[in-house]
Amino acid sequence: MDRIEAMRVFIAALDEGSLAGAGRRLNRSPAAVSRAIASLEQHVGAELIHRTTRSLRLSEAGERYASACRRILVDLEEADLIALGERSAPRGTLTITAPPISGEEILRPVIDAFLDAYPAVTVNLLLLDRHASLVEEGIDVALRVGQLPDSSMVAVRVGGGVKRVIAAAPRYLAEHPRIDEPADLVRHRIVTTTHFGHDTWVFPPASPGGIARSVQFKPRLVVNSVRAALASAVAGGGVTRLYTYHVAERVLDGSLRLLLRDAEAPPLPVHLITPQGRTSTPKVRAFLDFAAPRLRAEFARLSADAEALAPGRPTV
């Protein structure tokens, strides 16, 4: 087995989480998968994967090598497609990442429709609570909520109107002190997520030209799942901070009430981003052209739902 093919086996084992899974994906025996990885380890002179009977774990050298392998395999696939003159018929594997909730509920239906329209393309959708490195991890497209740092990435705006909002269940609010300003939160049970602020929430200045208001707290529950934080808040577990599209349905059905509406930060934009130069790849170009208008329509609908929750309108 040549080194490139061994790299494909190595990455498949990581993506599937087991040698047997990689074997099923590539139609190879677990022994063949193990030999391919062993040949890479012999070539680089270091152990790449710590193997147990139940799991695979990358070594420090393996983490660096996996990133390099993903870049190489993506570049090879693009080179092959271009050499074949694949300009009008996108094909191959498209790797996309998105946050879990927006990925499942907003992006996934768009991907389903895209797959129907382009039968020669397959999609690997990674739902991550972190911002993955697109180049190092071999990712073609990412859905990102929030301001984008200056970079070499190509960004296509697909939405706006997404806000971070504070919410709690009516029964929790009935049993605890009023929340009239951000500083009041320090007297409350806080349910937070690891990516929305572990022990600090920042709010805009109280008046123009002022300084941002930073509220530090000791959370009662920290969870790395938006769904879990939402469920805890609905159950009366405390006050949480999430995006408008996370809580809109629960606010409209009365399970949650929105708080501190006059302390909300400006809406955040939503983009599809892709590495510079990747847009020349037909599968990426086709996806951007297909997904962008559909996502704009869906985020516009979500923004309209959020407007129904605006100050001065019912929140229960």
Foldseek 3Di string as FASTA:
>chain_A
DDLLVLLQLVLQCVVQFHLPRSCVVVVHHSVVSVVSQVVVCVVVVHRQWDDDPRGIDGDPVNLQVNLVSLLVVLVVVLVVCVVVVVAPQAADEAEEEEAVPCCVPPVVVLVVVVCVVRVRYHYHYHHDPDDDDCNSNNHFKYKDWFDDDDDQKDKDFQAKLKWKFKKAFPVLCVVDDDDADPQVCQRWAEEEEPNCDQFKHWWCDPDPPDHIDIHGHHHPHYHNDLVVSQVCRLVSNIMYIDILLSCLVCQVVRSMFTPPLVGIDGMIIIIMIGHPPSCSRNVSVSSCVSVRNSSNVVNVVSSVSVVCNHPPHHRD
